[in-house]
Protein backbone atom coordinates (compact mmCIF):
# COMPACT_ATOMS: atom_id res chain seq x y z
CA MET A 1 7.80 6.20 165.63
CA ALA A 2 5.48 3.16 164.80
CA LYS A 3 7.02 0.28 162.68
CA ASP A 4 3.91 0.32 160.42
CA HIS A 5 4.51 4.13 159.40
CA GLN A 6 4.96 4.59 155.71
CA LEU A 7 8.68 5.34 154.11
CA SER A 8 7.66 8.99 153.84
CA THR A 9 6.62 9.39 157.19
CA LYS A 10 9.64 7.77 158.50
CA GLY A 11 11.81 10.18 156.38
CA VAL A 12 10.09 13.24 157.91
CA ARG A 13 9.52 12.08 161.49
CA ALA A 14 11.74 9.16 162.62
CA GLY A 15 14.65 9.61 164.98
CA GLN A 16 13.76 13.16 166.15
CA VAL A 17 14.72 13.90 169.88
CA ARG A 18 13.75 17.40 170.89
CA THR A 19 15.63 19.65 173.67
CA GLU A 20 13.99 21.43 176.66
CA PHE A 21 13.14 24.26 174.02
CA ASN A 22 10.83 21.87 172.05
CA GLU A 23 12.25 22.77 168.68
CA HIS A 24 10.23 21.85 165.69
CA ALA A 25 13.22 21.33 163.34
CA GLU A 26 16.15 19.02 164.25
CA ALA A 27 18.63 20.83 166.58
CA LEU A 28 22.39 20.79 165.25
CA PHE A 29 24.69 20.35 168.12
CA LEU A 30 28.17 21.48 167.09
CA THR A 31 30.33 20.54 169.94
CA SER A 32 33.03 18.20 170.53
CA SER A 33 32.18 17.33 173.68
CA PHE A 34 29.50 17.27 176.61
CA VAL A 35 29.69 18.16 180.23
CA PHE A 36 29.16 15.70 183.04
CA ASP A 37 27.05 16.00 186.32
CA SER A 38 29.75 14.44 188.47
CA ALA A 39 32.95 12.57 188.50
CA ALA A 40 30.83 9.25 188.97
CA GLN A 41 28.68 10.19 185.92
CA ALA A 42 32.08 10.83 183.89
CA ALA A 43 33.45 7.15 185.16
CA ALA A 44 30.36 5.48 184.36
CA ARG A 45 30.03 6.72 180.51
CA PHE A 46 33.34 6.34 179.79
CA ALA A 47 33.15 2.70 181.05
CA ASN A 48 29.92 2.27 179.22
CA ASN A 49 27.84 1.57 182.31
CA GLU A 50 25.69 4.62 181.64
CA GLU A 51 24.14 5.93 178.13
CA GLY A 52 24.81 9.41 177.39
CA MET A 53 26.91 11.53 175.37
CA VAL A 54 30.67 11.60 175.80
CA TYR A 55 32.53 13.00 172.77
CA SER A 56 31.39 13.81 169.30
CA ARG A 57 33.73 11.33 167.42
CA TYR A 58 31.18 8.49 168.47
CA THR A 59 28.20 10.12 170.35
CA ASN A 60 26.30 13.10 169.26
CA PRO A 61 22.59 13.79 169.30
CA THR A 62 22.19 15.20 165.62
CA VAL A 63 24.45 12.23 164.53
CA SER A 64 22.17 9.73 166.55
CA MET A 65 18.96 11.36 165.09
CA PHE A 66 20.27 10.53 161.42
CA GLN A 67 21.11 7.15 162.35
CA ASP A 68 17.92 6.32 164.16
CA ARG A 69 15.83 7.98 161.02
CA LEU A 70 17.99 5.80 158.25
CA ALA A 71 17.58 2.71 160.44
CA ALA A 72 13.68 3.08 160.60
CA MET A 73 13.60 3.65 156.90
CA GLU A 74 15.84 0.59 156.17
CA GLY A 75 13.98 -1.61 158.58
CA ALA A 76 17.17 -1.91 160.68
CA GLU A 77 17.63 -2.47 164.37
CA SER A 78 20.99 -0.45 164.16
CA CYS A 79 22.61 2.26 162.08
CA VAL A 80 25.99 3.74 162.77
CA ALA A 81 27.10 6.75 160.49
CA THR A 82 30.40 7.23 159.07
CA ALA A 83 32.39 10.28 157.35
CA SER A 84 32.12 8.83 153.94
CA GLY A 85 30.82 5.92 152.19
CA MET A 86 34.13 4.42 151.63
CA ALA A 87 34.69 4.97 155.45
CA ALA A 88 31.24 2.80 155.84
CA ILE A 89 32.78 0.00 153.49
CA LEU A 90 36.37 0.33 155.51
CA ALA A 91 34.57 0.15 158.81
CA THR A 92 32.49 -3.03 157.83
CA ALA A 93 35.86 -4.65 156.86
CA MET A 94 37.78 -3.80 159.65
CA VAL A 95 35.35 -5.05 162.31
CA HIS A 96 34.07 -8.03 160.45
CA LEU A 97 37.40 -9.28 158.96
CA LYS A 98 40.85 -10.54 160.03
CA ALA A 99 44.27 -11.70 158.66
CA GLY A 100 43.51 -14.66 156.65
CA ASP A 101 40.14 -14.20 155.92
CA HIS A 102 38.37 -13.94 152.34
CA VAL A 103 36.04 -11.95 150.59
CA VAL A 104 33.89 -12.82 147.84
CA CYS A 105 33.02 -9.40 145.96
CA SER A 106 31.09 -8.49 142.75
CA ASN A 107 33.39 -7.46 139.93
CA ALA A 108 30.87 -4.49 139.28
CA VAL A 109 31.36 -2.43 142.39
CA PHE A 110 32.62 1.06 142.54
CA GLY A 111 36.33 1.36 141.50
CA ALA A 112 37.41 2.89 144.83
CA THR A 113 35.87 -0.25 146.51
CA ILE A 114 38.16 -2.80 144.38
CA GLN A 115 40.90 -0.40 145.28
CA LEU A 116 40.13 -0.57 149.04
CA PHE A 117 39.80 -4.62 148.92
CA ASN A 118 43.17 -4.98 146.67
CA ASN A 119 45.53 -2.33 147.80
CA ILE A 120 44.75 -1.72 151.23
CA LEU A 121 42.84 -4.78 153.05
CA GLY A 122 45.15 -6.95 150.83
CA ARG A 123 48.14 -5.61 152.63
CA PHE A 124 46.70 -6.94 155.70
CA GLY A 125 46.34 -10.61 154.76
CA ILE A 126 42.65 -10.24 153.34
CA GLU A 127 42.12 -11.81 150.19
CA THR A 128 39.48 -11.10 147.70
CA SER A 129 37.74 -12.74 144.60
CA TYR A 130 35.58 -11.20 142.16
CA VAL A 131 32.61 -12.81 140.47
CA SER A 132 29.91 -11.93 138.39
CA PRO A 133 26.93 -9.74 140.26
CA THR A 134 24.45 -11.79 138.31
CA ARG A 135 25.73 -15.30 138.19
CA VAL A 136 24.96 -16.75 141.67
CA GLU A 137 26.96 -19.96 140.71
CA GLU A 138 30.15 -17.93 140.45
CA TRP A 139 29.48 -17.06 144.07
CA GLU A 140 28.93 -20.57 145.28
CA LYS A 141 32.18 -21.54 143.42
CA ALA A 142 34.09 -19.24 144.99
CA VAL A 143 33.47 -19.78 148.16
CA ARG A 144 36.27 -20.74 150.61
CA LYS A 145 36.46 -22.32 154.13
CA ASN A 146 37.52 -18.94 155.32
CA THR A 147 35.05 -16.74 153.34
CA ARG A 148 33.50 -14.40 155.80
CA LEU A 149 32.09 -11.81 153.68
CA PHE A 150 30.07 -11.57 150.37
CA PHE A 151 30.08 -7.61 149.28
CA LEU A 152 27.92 -6.15 146.12
CA GLU A 153 26.06 -3.14 144.89
CA THR A 154 22.83 -3.74 143.19
CA PRO A 155 22.29 -2.13 140.72
CA SER A 156 25.96 -1.91 139.91
CA ASN A 157 27.81 0.93 138.98
CA PRO A 158 27.95 2.26 136.03
CA LEU A 159 26.21 -0.88 134.13
CA THR A 160 23.21 -1.39 136.49
CA GLU A 161 23.45 -4.95 136.55
CA VAL A 162 20.91 -6.30 139.26
CA SER A 163 21.87 -8.84 141.68
CA ASP A 164 19.67 -11.47 143.21
CA ILE A 165 20.05 -10.22 147.13
CA ALA A 166 17.58 -13.10 148.00
CA ALA A 167 19.59 -15.91 146.42
CA LEU A 168 23.17 -14.77 147.48
CA ALA A 169 21.77 -14.39 150.97
CA LYS A 170 21.00 -18.21 151.04
CA VAL A 171 24.63 -18.93 149.66
CA ALA A 172 26.02 -16.71 152.32
CA LYS A 173 24.15 -18.23 155.21
CA LYS A 174 25.13 -21.71 153.73
CA THR A 175 28.91 -20.93 154.23
CA ASN A 176 28.37 -18.69 157.34
CA ALA A 177 29.47 -15.29 155.63
CA LEU A 178 27.87 -12.02 155.87
CA LEU A 179 26.10 -10.61 153.13
CA ALA A 180 26.60 -6.64 152.70
CA VAL A 181 24.84 -4.81 150.02
CA ASP A 182 25.62 -1.28 149.00
CA ASN A 183 22.08 0.13 148.57
CA VAL A 184 23.36 3.64 147.05
CA PHE A 185 21.63 3.61 143.86
CA CYS A 186 18.47 2.61 145.23
CA THR A 187 18.13 3.76 148.90
CA PRO A 188 15.32 2.40 151.13
CA ALA A 189 12.97 4.38 148.79
CA LEU A 190 13.41 1.76 146.07
CA GLN A 191 15.07 -1.44 147.97
CA ARG A 192 15.18 -2.98 151.27
CA PRO A 193 18.06 -5.53 151.45
CA LEU A 194 17.38 -6.54 154.89
CA GLU A 195 14.07 -7.49 154.02
CA LEU A 196 15.32 -9.88 151.07
CA GLY A 197 17.90 -11.54 153.38
CA ALA A 198 21.07 -9.26 153.98
CA ASP A 199 22.95 -8.91 156.94
CA LEU A 200 24.62 -5.42 156.53
CA VAL A 201 23.28 -2.50 154.37
CA VAL A 202 26.03 0.06 153.38
CA HIS A 203 25.22 3.57 152.50
CA SER A 204 27.25 6.58 150.80
CA ALA A 205 25.03 9.25 152.17
CA THR A 206 26.88 11.89 149.99
CA LYS A 207 24.54 10.48 147.01
CA TYR A 208 20.96 10.06 147.25
CA LEU A 209 20.65 10.23 151.02
CA ASP A 210 21.68 13.96 150.83
CA GLY A 211 20.25 14.49 147.28
CA GLN A 212 21.93 18.01 146.55
CA GLY A 213 25.63 17.31 146.47
CA ARG A 214 26.19 19.27 149.70
CA VAL A 215 28.00 17.01 152.28
CA MET A 216 29.56 13.63 152.45
CA GLY A 217 28.72 10.96 154.85
CA GLY A 218 28.42 7.16 155.10
CA ALA A 219 26.38 4.59 156.92
CA VAL A 220 26.00 1.07 157.68
CA CYS A 221 22.71 -0.68 158.85
CA GLY A 222 21.67 -4.03 160.31
CA SER A 223 21.49 -5.81 163.56
CA LYS A 224 22.41 -4.41 166.93
CA ALA A 225 25.06 -7.18 167.06
CA LEU A 226 26.54 -6.86 163.81
CA VAL A 227 26.29 -2.68 163.70
CA ALA A 228 26.45 -0.90 166.79
CA ASP A 229 28.05 -3.31 169.33
CA LEU A 230 31.02 -3.37 166.85
CA LEU A 231 31.09 -0.12 164.88
CA VAL A 232 30.65 2.27 167.81
CA PRO A 233 34.00 1.05 169.45
CA PHE A 234 35.66 1.08 166.10
CA LEU A 235 34.58 4.70 165.62
CA ARG A 236 35.60 5.54 169.07
CA THR A 237 39.30 4.17 168.40
CA ALA A 238 39.81 5.01 164.64
CA GLY A 239 37.68 7.98 164.32
CA PRO A 240 35.92 8.04 160.95
CA ALA A 241 33.04 9.82 162.31
CA LEU A 242 30.28 11.72 160.61
CA ALA A 243 30.57 15.41 161.49
CA PRO A 244 27.58 16.78 163.29
CA PHE A 245 26.85 19.52 160.46
CA ASN A 246 26.63 16.81 157.86
CA ALA A 247 24.40 14.57 159.78
CA TRP A 248 21.93 17.70 159.90
CA VAL A 249 22.09 18.33 156.30
CA LEU A 250 21.42 14.27 155.80
CA LEU A 251 18.60 14.38 157.90
CA LYS A 252 16.93 17.38 155.82
CA GLY A 253 17.65 14.98 152.76
CA LEU A 254 15.97 12.36 153.98
CA GLU A 255 12.96 14.42 154.48
CA THR A 256 12.45 14.49 150.49
CA LEU A 257 14.08 10.95 149.68
CA GLU A 258 11.05 9.19 148.69
CA LEU A 259 9.69 12.24 146.47
CA ARG A 260 13.17 12.86 144.70
CA VAL A 261 14.09 9.26 143.95
CA LEU A 262 10.69 8.02 142.38
CA ALA A 263 10.71 11.48 140.24
CA GLU A 264 14.29 10.93 139.24
CA SER A 265 13.61 7.22 138.28
CA ALA A 266 10.53 8.32 136.26
CA ALA A 267 12.61 10.99 134.39
CA ALA A 268 15.44 8.24 134.01
CA LEU A 269 13.14 5.53 132.49
CA GLU A 270 11.98 8.38 129.80
CA LEU A 271 15.62 9.26 128.91
CA ALA A 272 16.36 5.53 128.65
CA ARG A 273 13.68 4.69 126.07
CA TRP A 274 14.55 7.85 124.19
CA LEU A 275 18.23 6.82 124.00
CA GLN A 276 17.78 3.24 123.00
CA ASP A 277 16.00 4.44 119.94
CA HIS A 278 18.90 7.11 119.03
CA PRO A 279 21.04 6.05 116.03
CA SER A 280 24.14 7.12 117.67
CA VAL A 281 23.83 4.89 120.64
CA ALA A 282 24.53 1.44 120.57
CA ARG A 283 23.06 0.12 123.73
CA VAL A 284 21.50 1.30 126.90
CA HIS A 285 21.93 -0.32 130.41
CA TYR A 286 18.83 0.52 132.61
CA PRO A 287 16.87 -1.98 134.65
CA GLY A 288 13.78 -0.39 133.84
CA LEU A 289 13.87 -1.49 130.22
CA PRO A 290 12.52 -4.81 128.98
CA SER A 291 15.80 -5.29 127.19
CA HIS A 292 17.76 -5.16 130.25
CA PRO A 293 18.93 -8.88 131.42
CA GLN A 294 17.74 -8.52 135.03
CA TYR A 295 14.24 -6.63 133.87
CA GLU A 296 12.25 -9.24 135.58
CA LEU A 297 14.24 -9.44 138.71
CA ALA A 298 14.49 -5.75 139.19
CA LYS A 299 10.57 -5.34 138.97
CA ARG A 300 10.41 -8.19 141.93
CA GLN A 301 13.30 -6.68 143.92
CA GLN A 302 12.82 -2.90 143.43
CA ARG A 303 9.98 -0.42 143.66
CA ALA A 304 11.50 1.60 140.67
CA ALA A 305 14.49 1.10 138.43
CA GLY A 306 16.51 4.11 139.65
CA ALA A 307 17.96 7.34 138.41
CA VAL A 308 21.09 6.30 137.10
CA LEU A 309 21.55 4.60 133.36
CA SER A 310 24.46 4.11 131.06
CA PHE A 311 24.74 4.04 127.67
CA GLU A 312 27.43 2.81 124.88
CA VAL A 313 27.99 5.68 122.14
CA LYS A 314 28.88 4.65 118.72
CA GLY A 315 32.44 5.58 118.00
CA GLY A 316 34.50 4.33 121.22
CA ARG A 317 36.12 6.89 123.55
CA ALA A 318 36.52 9.71 121.14
CA ALA A 319 32.64 9.67 120.47
CA ALA A 320 31.86 9.53 124.29
CA TRP A 321 34.26 12.16 125.10
CA ARG A 322 32.73 14.61 122.21
CA LEU A 323 29.52 13.93 123.59
CA ILE A 324 30.38 14.95 127.19
CA ASP A 325 32.28 18.00 125.87
CA ALA A 326 29.08 19.18 123.72
CA THR A 327 26.63 19.09 126.80
CA GLN A 328 25.87 22.62 128.21
CA LEU A 329 23.16 21.97 130.84
CA ILE A 330 24.30 18.73 132.27
CA SER A 331 27.09 18.78 134.95
CA HIS A 332 30.26 16.84 134.12
CA THR A 333 31.21 15.43 137.58
CA ALA A 334 32.03 12.19 138.96
CA ASN A 335 29.30 12.67 141.53
CA LEU A 336 25.71 11.02 141.40
CA GLY A 337 22.50 11.21 143.38
CA ASP A 338 22.19 15.03 142.79
CA VAL A 339 18.84 16.89 141.73
CA LYS A 340 21.32 18.05 139.10
CA THR A 341 21.76 15.61 136.22
CA THR A 342 25.46 14.44 135.83
CA ILE A 343 27.36 12.74 133.18
CA ILE A 344 30.85 10.86 133.31
CA HIS A 345 33.13 8.58 131.15
CA PRO A 346 33.61 5.82 133.92
CA ALA A 347 36.40 3.94 132.00
CA THR A 348 38.85 7.23 132.42
CA THR A 349 37.46 8.57 135.56
CA THR A 350 35.62 6.26 138.35
CA HIS A 351 37.09 3.12 137.30
CA GLY A 352 39.96 4.48 135.68
CA ARG A 353 42.64 3.22 138.56
CA ILE A 354 41.51 -0.39 138.11
CA SER A 355 43.34 -2.57 135.41
CA PRO A 356 41.83 -2.74 131.78
CA GLU A 357 41.28 -6.33 132.33
CA ALA A 358 39.42 -5.58 135.19
CA ARG A 359 37.35 -3.10 133.42
CA ARG A 360 36.90 -5.60 130.34
CA ALA A 361 35.55 -8.24 132.86
CA ALA A 362 33.02 -5.72 134.39
CA GLY A 363 31.85 -4.64 130.90
CA ILE A 364 33.14 -0.98 130.97
CA THR A 365 33.94 -0.09 127.45
CA ASP A 366 35.48 3.01 126.09
CA GLY A 367 32.37 4.08 124.57
CA LEU A 368 30.23 4.01 128.09
CA VAL A 369 29.06 6.85 129.34
CA ARG A 370 27.11 7.11 132.87
CA LEU A 371 24.07 9.53 133.20
CA ALA A 372 22.45 10.24 136.91
CA VAL A 373 19.40 11.87 136.35
CA GLY A 374 18.17 14.80 138.55
CA LEU A 375 14.93 17.10 138.42
CA GLU A 376 15.29 19.37 135.55
CA ALA A 377 12.59 18.85 132.66
CA VAL A 378 13.26 15.88 130.66
CA GLN A 379 12.86 17.88 127.41
CA ASP A 380 15.78 20.19 128.50
CA LEU A 381 17.87 16.92 129.12
CA LYS A 382 16.92 15.55 125.86
CA ALA A 383 17.77 18.69 123.89
CA ASP A 384 21.24 18.81 125.81
CA LEU A 385 22.23 15.25 125.12
CA SER A 386 21.00 15.68 121.38
CA ARG A 387 23.46 18.51 121.13
CA GLY A 388 26.17 15.88 122.26
CA LEU A 389 25.14 12.98 120.24
CA GLU A 390 24.75 15.08 117.09
CA ALA A 391 28.50 16.14 117.90
CA GLY A 392 29.85 12.87 116.64
């Protein structure tokens, strides 16, 4: 696959390796182990002196095809897949951090990410400071001598705040810290953090990379030295591996990624414009609207504004719950990135396990509703939301 091929071509063609049967679709290798030609070959592969498949926990042809395709799409030298997006974040932390290290993290990341840094990594002597995703000066002030990692999501979940990746990359490099960007909302179809100076890109492949809510998966992309050389041994020992079947499904998802994300982004923009004029809505958070604080940055950094938006319903939690309960078409579920539009109340679900103080700091109000727009007709989505908004 040539580096100058367009993203849509890479999504369909990159990474595929055919067997002796010369199949057109990617082969699915449902096997836990692989047979060696000789004892010498087995010894060489176990010692990493010969390339080849050994055990599907860390080497599998279907998983390798997914890794190579996503790496091509992100413009990365290397990609390692994991069992889930959270497994990808954990693996990144485990191979790049040690006891006594310090992390600077956006305070607008997924709730489970905060739980991971605080409640799990914190038990092993890794301390995390939380700062605004949009104020670069807070990241600079939070840096310590032992800071080893910057971690952020952009756009953020659920307020769609947009971080300046290039500016934060400069701060990280000055302090010899790695910058890891969770690219779950944009995917490489809309944003390529490595080109903006990030060291690592993390994915929950469960979301848009699959695109139809079928399987779980995760991935980390970057240089070979930061990804494959460190993460493959970690997978070999710790085992948070991506299943071959899931990798095969994700390969199929990547084939339509660009088409889906661009269409969903266009629908989200239309809905955001409609919602901001609705009398029951106090505010809409969407980087495609000129009212968004990082509108200009999003235009420079992203190809489109994405398919996720959030909005604040007048009347607080009671009104937000009435809206959600009144919808009949939109799916009430915490997942996103699906062709089916989903709706959720972040304060009591995805961010319900973090403290009220942390929610307030992140701007997650009781009236906030998150909408992840799919591929239904926009008129039908408007009608469904109107039913809910009028219920209040």
